[in-house]
Amino acid sequence: MNKEFSSKLGLILSAVGSAVGMANIWGFPYKFQSGGLVFLIFYILFSVIFSVVGLSSEFAIGRLAKTGTLGAYEYSYKTRNQNTKIGRVVGFIPLMGTFLIAIGYSVIVAYVLKGFIDSLTGEIFTQQSQAWFDSFASVPHSVIPYHAIIIIITILTCFGGASSIEKTNKIMMPTFFVLFLILAIKVGSLPNSIEGYKNMFLYDPKTLNMKTILDSMGQAFFSLSITGSGMIVVGSYISKDEDIVSSSIQTGIFDTLAGLISSFVIIPAVSVFAIKEVGGPSLLFVTLPTILNNIKFGRIFAILLYLAVVFAGISSLQNMLEVMAESITNRYRHLSRKAVFIVLGLAVFLLGINLETIDKFGPYMDIISIYIIPIGASIGAITWFYVLKKDLLLKEINLNSKHKYKEIWYRLGKYLYVPISILLTLLALIFKISF
């Protein structure tokens, strides 16, 4: 099994595949529509900070420790000769967050696969969008076949480790961007779409407030999947010849482009059809089908839309299962990698089928995103900048780097990135804000 990405392109596309998901497709456009130009400016600012410091530090610890979540935390504590028992245990918190989010995420990707199949058959347009969505989202166990297919495809594309993940993302990620670009061009041709573009880039002083800033901060942080778990395993597959910070910046750029392209599809379309601002599953399964049903060649564009989102969903699920499998097989080396994947996939599927209705899925995902994921992200940030030995982190960051990152980079991580991650965790825990 190949344990390194074969090229920088493969690395970037695999990292982007891990990062790009539903947050880009329905979270970014919704917040962009509300915050306009102010949201975009602050989002780009935070995305730069998190890419340069947060994402690169997770890549670095993965490559340095040559392993994923559990091994990376244990390694970090060993560099300080601190209590290695804590190091062996603390990584289970972000790892558990990855497992729990995978359970819910697989459900929503099953919904998307059903949307794709129903677009192919035309069933999606035989009734009102809300009625179509309710026909499976409100009926227990109605998407089991789609759910099973998603899990099986994800497992099969993970068996080869870095090699198979790289190969599939070289297909899925470019296809995602091309399909959404086609959709954006189509939406741009609709009458009055210019009004939607104006709203996107309009500066409104009223949006310059703490809510918009926090929305942009949270969106940038979690869109990049800096959860103290997911990107570590990507880092463990990065060659020593690669410039980590450069790769992190490029990942951040493509992740931002994914959100922008989604917005160029959704915001003008919502404006054209005078639909109220909406985010979450309703955007993807009620609003967009309504729009597509009212434009020429809408069925074809529905097929393209759901196919693109299926690819984005599978690429994110790949990372989630890989994170768990790598950690388990690295800690317990006698276990078969394929067997671990099968057991993990089965567990995610069996636990997920009880969440297949939206009334269960929604609250479950809120709990995970409010409590588990932010805590794991904070644990990761604190570990890399307060536990891991400073010289080792800086040496890894600077390995084959075009620019030398010194004290200022480390201080940016320690005194800005870490406090921001803790702030987002406290906001989630205290005010129940889901990012």
Protein backbone atom coordinates (compact mmCIF):
# COMPACT_ATOMS: atom_id res chain seq x y z
CA MET A 1 0.00 0.00 0.00
CA ASN A 2 1.34 3.41 -1.01
CA LYS A 3 1.74 5.60 2.08
CA GLU A 4 2.50 8.85 0.28
CA PHE A 5 0.75 10.98 -2.30
CA SER A 6 2.54 10.63 -5.62
CA SER A 7 2.37 14.33 -6.55
CA LYS A 8 1.53 17.76 -5.21
CA LEU A 9 -1.60 17.78 -7.38
CA GLY A 10 -2.73 14.53 -5.77
CA LEU A 11 -2.05 15.97 -2.33
CA ILE A 12 -3.98 19.18 -3.01
CA LEU A 13 -6.97 17.42 -4.57
CA SER A 14 -7.09 14.89 -1.71
CA ALA A 15 -6.88 17.66 0.91
CA VAL A 16 -9.52 19.69 -0.94
CA GLY A 17 -11.67 16.56 -1.18
CA SER A 18 -11.43 16.17 2.59
CA ALA A 19 -12.31 19.83 3.17
CA VAL A 20 -15.01 20.47 0.57
CA GLY A 21 -18.41 19.27 1.70
CA MET A 22 -21.86 20.39 2.71
CA ALA A 23 -20.44 23.40 4.57
CA ASN A 24 -19.30 24.80 1.22
CA ILE A 25 -22.51 23.93 -0.61
CA TRP A 26 -25.22 25.07 1.76
CA GLY A 27 -23.43 26.82 4.64
CA PHE A 28 -21.20 29.27 2.76
CA PRO A 29 -23.90 30.60 0.34
CA TYR A 30 -26.39 31.10 3.17
CA LYS A 31 -23.96 33.11 5.29
CA PHE A 32 -22.60 34.95 2.24
CA GLN A 33 -26.14 35.95 1.29
CA SER A 34 -26.74 37.30 4.80
CA GLY A 35 -23.39 39.03 5.31
CA GLY A 36 -22.56 40.09 1.76
CA LEU A 37 -19.20 41.69 1.08
CA VAL A 38 -18.40 42.04 4.79
CA PHE A 39 -18.76 38.28 5.27
CA LEU A 40 -16.55 37.57 2.24
CA ILE A 41 -13.76 39.92 3.35
CA PHE A 42 -13.61 38.50 6.86
CA TYR A 43 -13.95 34.94 5.54
CA ILE A 44 -10.92 35.40 3.28
CA LEU A 45 -8.97 36.97 6.15
CA PHE A 46 -9.69 34.07 8.52
CA SER A 47 -9.19 31.50 5.77
CA VAL A 48 -5.67 32.84 5.18
CA ILE A 49 -4.85 32.69 8.90
CA PHE A 50 -6.27 29.21 9.35
CA SER A 51 -4.61 27.86 6.20
CA VAL A 52 -1.17 29.29 6.95
CA VAL A 53 -1.15 28.33 10.63
CA GLY A 54 -3.93 25.88 11.52
CA LEU A 55 -4.06 23.61 8.50
CA SER A 56 -0.29 23.63 8.04
CA SER A 57 0.26 22.65 11.68
CA GLU A 58 -2.05 19.63 11.28
CA PHE A 59 -0.27 18.64 8.07
CA ALA A 60 3.07 19.09 9.85
CA ILE A 61 2.28 16.93 12.89
CA GLY A 62 0.93 14.20 10.61
CA ARG A 63 4.09 14.16 8.51
CA LEU A 64 6.33 14.52 11.57
CA ALA A 65 4.70 11.69 13.51
CA LYS A 66 4.21 9.64 10.30
CA THR A 67 0.75 8.67 11.46
CA GLY A 68 -2.75 9.98 12.04
CA THR A 69 -4.82 11.12 15.00
CA LEU A 70 -3.95 8.79 17.88
CA GLY A 71 -0.27 8.51 17.05
CA ALA A 72 0.11 12.27 16.49
CA TYR A 73 -1.15 13.19 19.96
CA GLU A 74 0.97 10.51 21.61
CA TYR A 75 4.02 11.73 19.68
CA SER A 76 3.38 15.34 20.72
CA TYR A 77 3.32 14.48 24.42
CA LYS A 78 6.45 12.36 24.10
CA THR A 79 8.42 15.32 22.67
CA ARG A 80 7.92 17.11 25.99
CA ASN A 81 8.47 14.00 28.09
CA GLN A 82 5.07 14.69 29.55
CA ASN A 83 2.48 12.19 30.70
CA THR A 84 2.28 9.85 27.72
CA LYS A 85 -0.84 8.25 29.19
CA ILE A 86 -2.68 11.50 28.45
CA GLY A 87 -1.15 11.52 25.00
CA ARG A 88 -2.44 8.01 24.32
CA VAL A 89 -5.96 8.89 25.41
CA VAL A 90 -6.63 12.53 24.46
CA GLY A 91 -6.62 11.79 20.72
CA PHE A 92 -9.73 9.66 21.14
CA ILE A 93 -11.86 12.80 21.63
CA PRO A 94 -11.32 14.31 18.15
CA LEU A 95 -11.27 10.78 16.70
CA MET A 96 -14.67 10.07 18.24
CA GLY A 97 -15.91 13.34 16.77
CA THR A 98 -14.87 12.12 13.33
CA PHE A 99 -16.69 8.81 13.84
CA LEU A 100 -19.88 10.47 15.05
CA ILE A 101 -19.91 13.06 12.27
CA ALA A 102 -19.39 10.27 9.71
CA ILE A 103 -22.57 8.58 10.93
CA GLY A 104 -24.69 11.65 10.28
CA TYR A 105 -22.79 12.71 7.17
CA SER A 106 -23.41 9.36 5.49
CA VAL A 107 -27.15 9.95 5.86
CA ILE A 108 -27.09 13.29 4.07
CA VAL A 109 -24.92 11.86 1.26
CA ALA A 110 -27.50 9.06 0.92
CA TYR A 111 -30.14 11.80 0.49
CA VAL A 112 -27.98 13.35 -2.23
CA LEU A 113 -27.57 10.02 -4.04
CA LYS A 114 -31.36 9.64 -4.02
CA GLY A 115 -31.60 13.15 -5.48
CA PHE A 116 -29.21 12.10 -8.25
CA ILE A 117 -31.12 8.89 -9.04
CA ASP A 118 -34.49 10.68 -8.97
CA SER A 119 -33.07 13.34 -11.30
CA LEU A 120 -32.08 10.61 -13.74
CA THR A 121 -35.57 9.05 -13.64
CA GLY A 122 -37.37 12.41 -13.53
CA GLU A 123 -39.19 11.52 -10.32
CA ILE A 124 -37.83 14.62 -8.59
CA PHE A 125 -40.06 16.80 -10.78
CA THR A 126 -43.27 14.75 -10.59
CA GLN A 127 -44.41 16.54 -7.43
CA GLN A 128 -43.70 19.65 -5.40
CA SER A 129 -40.17 19.74 -4.03
CA GLN A 130 -41.26 19.78 -0.39
CA ALA A 131 -43.51 16.76 -0.94
CA TRP A 132 -40.67 14.94 -2.75
CA PHE A 133 -38.25 15.67 0.11
CA ASP A 134 -40.78 14.62 2.76
CA SER A 135 -41.41 11.36 0.89
CA PHE A 136 -38.03 10.06 2.03
CA ALA A 137 -36.70 12.49 4.66
CA SER A 138 -39.75 11.96 6.88
CA VAL A 139 -40.11 8.21 6.33
CA PRO A 140 -37.94 5.90 8.48
CA HIS A 141 -35.47 3.66 6.62
CA SER A 142 -36.51 5.02 3.22
CA VAL A 143 -32.96 5.60 1.93
CA ILE A 144 -31.32 2.40 3.16
CA PRO A 145 -30.29 1.21 -0.35
CA TYR A 146 -28.70 4.59 -1.15
CA HIS A 147 -27.07 4.66 2.27
CA ALA A 148 -25.55 1.22 1.71
CA ILE A 149 -24.25 2.15 -1.74
CA ILE A 150 -22.50 5.26 -0.38
CA ILE A 151 -20.81 3.28 2.41
CA ILE A 152 -19.69 0.52 0.03
CA ILE A 153 -18.25 2.97 -2.52
CA THR A 154 -16.42 4.87 0.21
CA ILE A 155 -14.91 1.71 1.69
CA LEU A 156 -13.77 0.38 -1.69
CA THR A 157 -12.08 3.67 -2.57
CA CYS A 158 -10.20 3.66 0.74
CA PHE A 159 -8.67 0.19 0.63
CA GLY A 160 -5.52 1.38 -1.13
CA GLY A 161 -4.79 4.19 1.33
CA ALA A 162 -3.15 7.32 -0.06
CA SER A 163 -2.97 5.87 -3.56
CA SER A 164 -6.68 5.04 -3.98
CA ILE A 165 -7.81 8.24 -2.22
CA GLU A 166 -5.54 10.27 -4.51
CA LYS A 167 -6.77 8.53 -7.67
CA THR A 168 -10.46 8.95 -6.87
CA ASN A 169 -10.07 12.59 -5.87
CA LYS A 170 -8.23 13.32 -9.12
CA ILE A 171 -11.52 12.42 -10.78
CA MET A 172 -14.11 13.61 -8.25
CA MET A 173 -12.75 17.03 -7.33
CA PRO A 174 -12.16 18.40 -10.86
CA THR A 175 -15.58 17.01 -11.82
CA PHE A 176 -17.16 18.77 -8.85
CA PHE A 177 -15.69 22.13 -9.84
CA VAL A 178 -16.52 21.73 -13.55
CA LEU A 179 -20.14 20.70 -12.90
CA PHE A 180 -20.75 23.56 -10.48
CA LEU A 181 -19.12 25.96 -12.93
CA ILE A 182 -21.54 24.80 -15.65
CA LEU A 183 -24.44 25.35 -13.24
CA ALA A 184 -23.13 28.81 -12.35
CA ILE A 185 -22.94 29.77 -16.04
CA LYS A 186 -26.51 28.58 -16.56
CA VAL A 187 -27.80 30.52 -13.56
CA GLY A 188 -25.92 33.60 -14.78
CA SER A 189 -27.94 33.46 -18.00
CA LEU A 190 -31.27 33.70 -16.18
CA PRO A 191 -33.19 36.99 -16.30
CA ASN A 192 -32.42 39.37 -13.41
CA SER A 193 -29.59 37.17 -12.07
CA ILE A 194 -27.49 40.34 -11.94
CA GLU A 195 -29.47 41.39 -8.87
CA GLY A 196 -28.19 38.33 -7.04
CA TYR A 197 -24.61 39.20 -7.92
CA LYS A 198 -25.14 42.74 -6.70
CA ASN A 199 -26.39 41.47 -3.35
CA MET A 200 -23.34 39.23 -3.01
CA PHE A 201 -20.82 42.02 -3.38
CA LEU A 202 -22.81 44.88 -1.91
CA TYR A 203 -21.35 46.59 1.13
CA ASP A 204 -24.06 47.12 3.73
CA PRO A 205 -22.87 48.86 6.94
CA LYS A 206 -25.55 46.96 8.87
CA THR A 207 -23.71 43.69 8.22
CA LEU A 208 -20.53 44.96 9.85
CA ASN A 209 -21.38 43.36 13.18
CA MET A 210 -20.19 40.61 15.48
CA LYS A 211 -22.58 38.03 14.02
CA THR A 212 -21.16 38.40 10.51
CA ILE A 213 -17.59 38.25 11.82
CA LEU A 214 -18.29 35.14 13.89
CA ASP A 215 -20.12 33.53 10.96
CA SER A 216 -17.11 34.10 8.72
CA MET A 217 -14.69 32.88 11.40
CA GLY A 218 -16.61 29.68 12.10
CA GLN A 219 -17.26 28.99 8.43
CA ALA A 220 -13.56 29.38 7.53
CA PHE A 221 -12.39 27.27 10.47
CA PHE A 222 -14.65 24.26 10.04
CA SER A 223 -14.84 24.43 6.24
CA LEU A 224 -11.11 23.64 6.18
CA SER A 225 -11.78 20.60 8.39
CA ILE A 226 -9.29 21.70 11.05
CA THR A 227 -10.89 19.43 13.63
CA GLY A 228 -7.80 18.10 15.37
CA SER A 229 -8.18 14.85 13.45
CA GLY A 230 -9.08 14.81 9.75
CA MET A 231 -6.17 16.68 8.21
CA ILE A 232 -3.53 14.94 10.34
CA VAL A 233 -3.84 11.75 8.33
CA VAL A 234 -3.58 13.75 5.10
CA GLY A 235 -0.33 15.19 6.49
CA SER A 236 0.99 11.73 7.27
CA TYR A 237 0.81 10.91 3.55
CA ILE A 238 2.67 14.07 2.44
CA SER A 239 6.15 13.55 1.03
CA LYS A 240 9.10 15.18 2.81
CA ASP A 241 9.79 16.96 -0.48
CA GLU A 242 6.58 19.03 -0.31
CA ASP A 243 6.22 22.57 1.01
CA ILE A 244 3.56 22.17 3.69
CA VAL A 245 2.52 25.82 4.04
CA SER A 246 2.27 26.23 0.26
CA SER A 247 0.08 23.12 0.09
CA SER A 248 -2.09 24.44 2.95
CA ILE A 249 -2.58 27.79 1.22
CA GLN A 250 -3.57 26.11 -2.05
CA THR A 251 -6.02 23.89 -0.18
CA GLY A 252 -7.54 27.01 1.41
CA ILE A 253 -7.83 28.71 -1.99
CA PHE A 254 -9.66 25.80 -3.59
CA ASP A 255 -11.88 25.37 -0.54
CA THR A 256 -12.85 29.05 -0.81
CA LEU A 257 -13.45 28.67 -4.55
CA ALA A 258 -15.83 25.79 -3.83
CA GLY A 259 -17.88 28.04 -1.55
CA LEU A 260 -17.82 30.89 -4.07
CA ILE A 261 -18.85 28.72 -7.02
CA SER A 262 -21.69 27.28 -4.93
CA SER A 263 -22.75 30.84 -4.11
CA PHE A 264 -22.68 31.82 -7.80
CA VAL A 265 -25.17 29.01 -8.38
CA ILE A 266 -27.42 29.49 -5.39
CA ILE A 267 -27.60 33.20 -4.53
CA PRO A 268 -28.50 34.54 -8.00
CA ALA A 269 -31.00 31.69 -8.47
CA VAL A 270 -32.66 32.47 -5.15
CA SER A 271 -32.80 36.12 -6.20
CA VAL A 272 -34.30 35.34 -9.63
CA PHE A 273 -37.11 33.28 -8.15
CA ALA A 274 -37.63 35.57 -5.14
CA ILE A 275 -37.13 32.74 -2.65
CA LYS A 276 -36.32 33.66 0.93
CA GLU A 277 -32.84 33.05 2.35
CA VAL A 278 -32.44 29.42 3.27
CA GLY A 279 -29.61 27.12 4.30
CA GLY A 280 -29.12 23.52 5.34
CA PRO A 281 -30.86 20.51 3.77
CA SER A 282 -33.87 22.58 2.65
CA LEU A 283 -31.62 24.52 0.28
CA LEU A 284 -30.38 21.39 -1.46
CA PHE A 285 -33.57 19.35 -1.45
CA VAL A 286 -36.40 21.89 -1.61
CA THR A 287 -35.19 25.26 -2.88
CA LEU A 288 -32.86 24.11 -5.65
CA PRO A 289 -35.24 21.48 -7.10
CA THR A 290 -37.95 24.17 -7.20
CA ILE A 291 -35.61 26.45 -9.13
CA LEU A 292 -34.40 23.72 -11.49
CA ASN A 293 -37.98 22.70 -12.24
CA ASN A 294 -38.61 26.20 -13.57
CA ILE A 295 -35.68 26.56 -15.95
CA LYS A 296 -34.99 25.09 -19.37
CA PHE A 297 -33.08 21.79 -19.23
CA GLY A 298 -33.65 21.79 -15.45
CA ARG A 299 -33.57 18.00 -15.26
CA ILE A 300 -30.10 17.89 -16.84
CA PHE A 301 -28.84 20.52 -14.44
CA ALA A 302 -30.38 18.62 -11.51
CA ILE A 303 -28.40 15.54 -12.58
CA LEU A 304 -25.20 17.60 -12.72
CA LEU A 305 -25.89 19.24 -9.36
CA TYR A 306 -26.52 16.07 -7.39
CA LEU A 307 -23.69 14.19 -9.09
CA ALA A 308 -21.27 16.95 -8.09
CA VAL A 309 -22.51 16.91 -4.50
CA VAL A 310 -22.30 13.10 -4.36
CA PHE A 311 -18.63 13.38 -5.30
CA ALA A 312 -18.04 16.04 -2.64
CA GLY A 313 -19.80 13.90 -0.04
CA ILE A 314 -17.89 10.71 -0.83
CA SER A 315 -14.54 12.52 -0.78
CA SER A 316 -15.29 13.85 2.72
CA LEU A 317 -16.46 10.43 3.93
CA GLN A 318 -13.24 8.92 2.57
CA ASN A 319 -11.26 11.16 4.87
CA MET A 320 -13.44 10.34 7.88
CA LEU A 321 -13.11 6.57 7.46
CA GLU A 322 -9.40 6.84 6.61
CA VAL A 323 -8.77 8.86 9.79
CA MET A 324 -10.35 6.18 11.94
CA ALA A 325 -8.88 3.17 10.13
CA GLU A 326 -5.36 4.58 10.07
CA SER A 327 -5.41 5.37 13.78
CA ILE A 328 -6.75 1.95 14.72
CA THR A 329 -4.37 -0.05 12.51
CA ASN A 330 -1.39 2.05 13.59
CA ARG A 331 -2.19 1.52 17.28
CA TYR A 332 -3.19 -2.12 16.88
CA ARG A 333 -0.89 -3.34 14.11
CA HIS A 334 -2.13 -6.92 14.11
CA LEU A 335 -5.48 -5.84 12.69
CA SER A 336 -6.20 -6.08 8.98
CA ARG A 337 -6.75 -2.71 7.29
CA LYS A 338 -9.52 -4.04 5.06
CA ALA A 339 -11.25 -5.72 7.99
CA VAL A 340 -11.14 -2.48 10.00
CA PHE A 341 -12.67 -0.55 7.11
CA ILE A 342 -15.46 -3.08 6.73
CA VAL A 343 -16.25 -3.01 10.46
CA LEU A 344 -16.15 0.80 10.54
CA GLY A 345 -18.34 1.08 7.46
CA LEU A 346 -20.81 -1.41 8.92
CA ALA A 347 -20.90 0.49 12.23
CA VAL A 348 -21.44 3.83 10.49
CA PHE A 349 -24.22 2.31 8.37
CA LEU A 350 -26.05 0.45 11.17
CA LEU A 351 -25.97 3.44 13.52
CA GLY A 352 -26.87 5.80 10.69
CA ILE A 353 -30.02 4.01 9.52
CA ASN A 354 -31.72 5.08 12.74
CA LEU A 355 -31.01 8.73 11.83
CA GLU A 356 -32.40 8.63 8.30
CA THR A 357 -35.34 10.92 9.04
CA ILE A 358 -34.65 14.64 9.11
CA ASP A 359 -36.24 15.09 12.55
CA LYS A 360 -33.56 12.79 13.99
CA PHE A 361 -30.70 13.72 11.68
CA GLY A 362 -30.93 17.48 12.32
CA PRO A 363 -30.74 17.43 16.14
CA TYR A 364 -28.04 14.73 16.04
CA MET A 365 -25.80 16.76 13.75
CA ASP A 366 -26.36 19.88 15.87
CA ILE A 367 -25.16 18.04 18.98
CA ILE A 368 -22.02 16.77 17.24
CA SER A 369 -21.18 20.11 15.61
CA ILE A 370 -21.86 22.11 18.79
CA TYR A 371 -20.21 19.90 21.39
CA ILE A 372 -17.84 17.30 19.96
CA ILE A 373 -16.18 18.82 16.89
CA PRO A 374 -15.23 22.22 18.42
CA ILE A 375 -13.77 20.53 21.52
CA GLY A 376 -11.65 18.25 19.33
CA ALA A 377 -10.47 21.21 17.27
CA SER A 378 -9.39 23.09 20.40
CA ILE A 379 -7.58 20.06 21.79
CA GLY A 380 -5.66 19.82 18.53
CA ALA A 381 -4.71 23.50 18.40
CA ILE A 382 -3.55 23.51 22.04
CA THR A 383 -1.54 20.31 21.54
CA TRP A 384 0.36 21.55 18.47
CA PHE A 385 1.30 24.91 19.98
CA TYR A 386 1.49 24.25 23.73
CA VAL A 387 2.52 20.59 24.00
CA LEU A 388 4.45 19.64 20.87
CA LYS A 389 8.05 20.82 21.07
CA LYS A 390 8.36 24.16 19.28
CA ASP A 391 11.63 23.42 17.47
CA LEU A 392 10.27 20.20 15.99
CA LEU A 393 7.14 21.90 14.66
CA LEU A 394 9.09 24.77 13.10
CA LYS A 395 11.63 22.39 11.57
CA GLU A 396 8.86 20.38 9.93
CA ILE A 397 7.08 23.50 8.69
CA ASN A 398 10.30 24.79 7.13
CA LEU A 399 11.32 21.49 5.55
CA ASN A 400 11.63 22.17 1.81
CA SER A 401 9.72 25.42 2.27
CA LYS A 402 10.40 28.29 -0.14
CA HIS A 403 10.04 30.76 2.72
CA LYS A 404 11.40 30.32 6.22
CA TYR A 405 8.77 30.57 8.96
CA LYS A 406 10.21 31.67 12.25
CA GLU A 407 8.98 33.05 15.58
CA ILE A 408 6.24 35.20 14.08
CA TRP A 409 4.54 32.13 12.51
CA TYR A 410 4.68 30.28 15.81
CA ARG A 411 3.34 33.23 17.78
CA LEU A 412 0.52 33.64 15.27
CA GLY A 413 -0.45 30.05 15.99
CA LYS A 414 0.02 30.20 19.74
CA TYR A 415 -1.53 33.59 20.47
CA LEU A 416 -4.11 33.99 17.69
CA TYR A 417 -5.05 30.63 16.19
CA VAL A 418 -5.34 28.79 19.51
CA PRO A 419 -7.45 31.54 21.20
CA ILE A 420 -9.76 31.64 18.16
CA SER A 421 -10.29 27.88 18.31
CA ILE A 422 -11.06 28.12 22.04
CA LEU A 423 -13.40 31.08 21.42
CA LEU A 424 -15.35 29.13 18.78
CA THR A 425 -15.62 26.19 21.19
CA LEU A 426 -16.93 28.41 24.00
CA LEU A 427 -19.42 30.08 21.66
CA ALA A 428 -20.68 26.66 20.63
CA LEU A 429 -20.91 25.32 24.19
CA ILE A 430 -22.36 28.43 25.83
CA PHE A 431 -24.57 29.89 23.10
CA LYS A 432 -25.26 26.63 21.25
CA ILE A 433 -23.97 28.09 17.97
CA SER A 434 -23.56 25.47 15.28
CA PHE A 435 -20.84 26.29 12.77
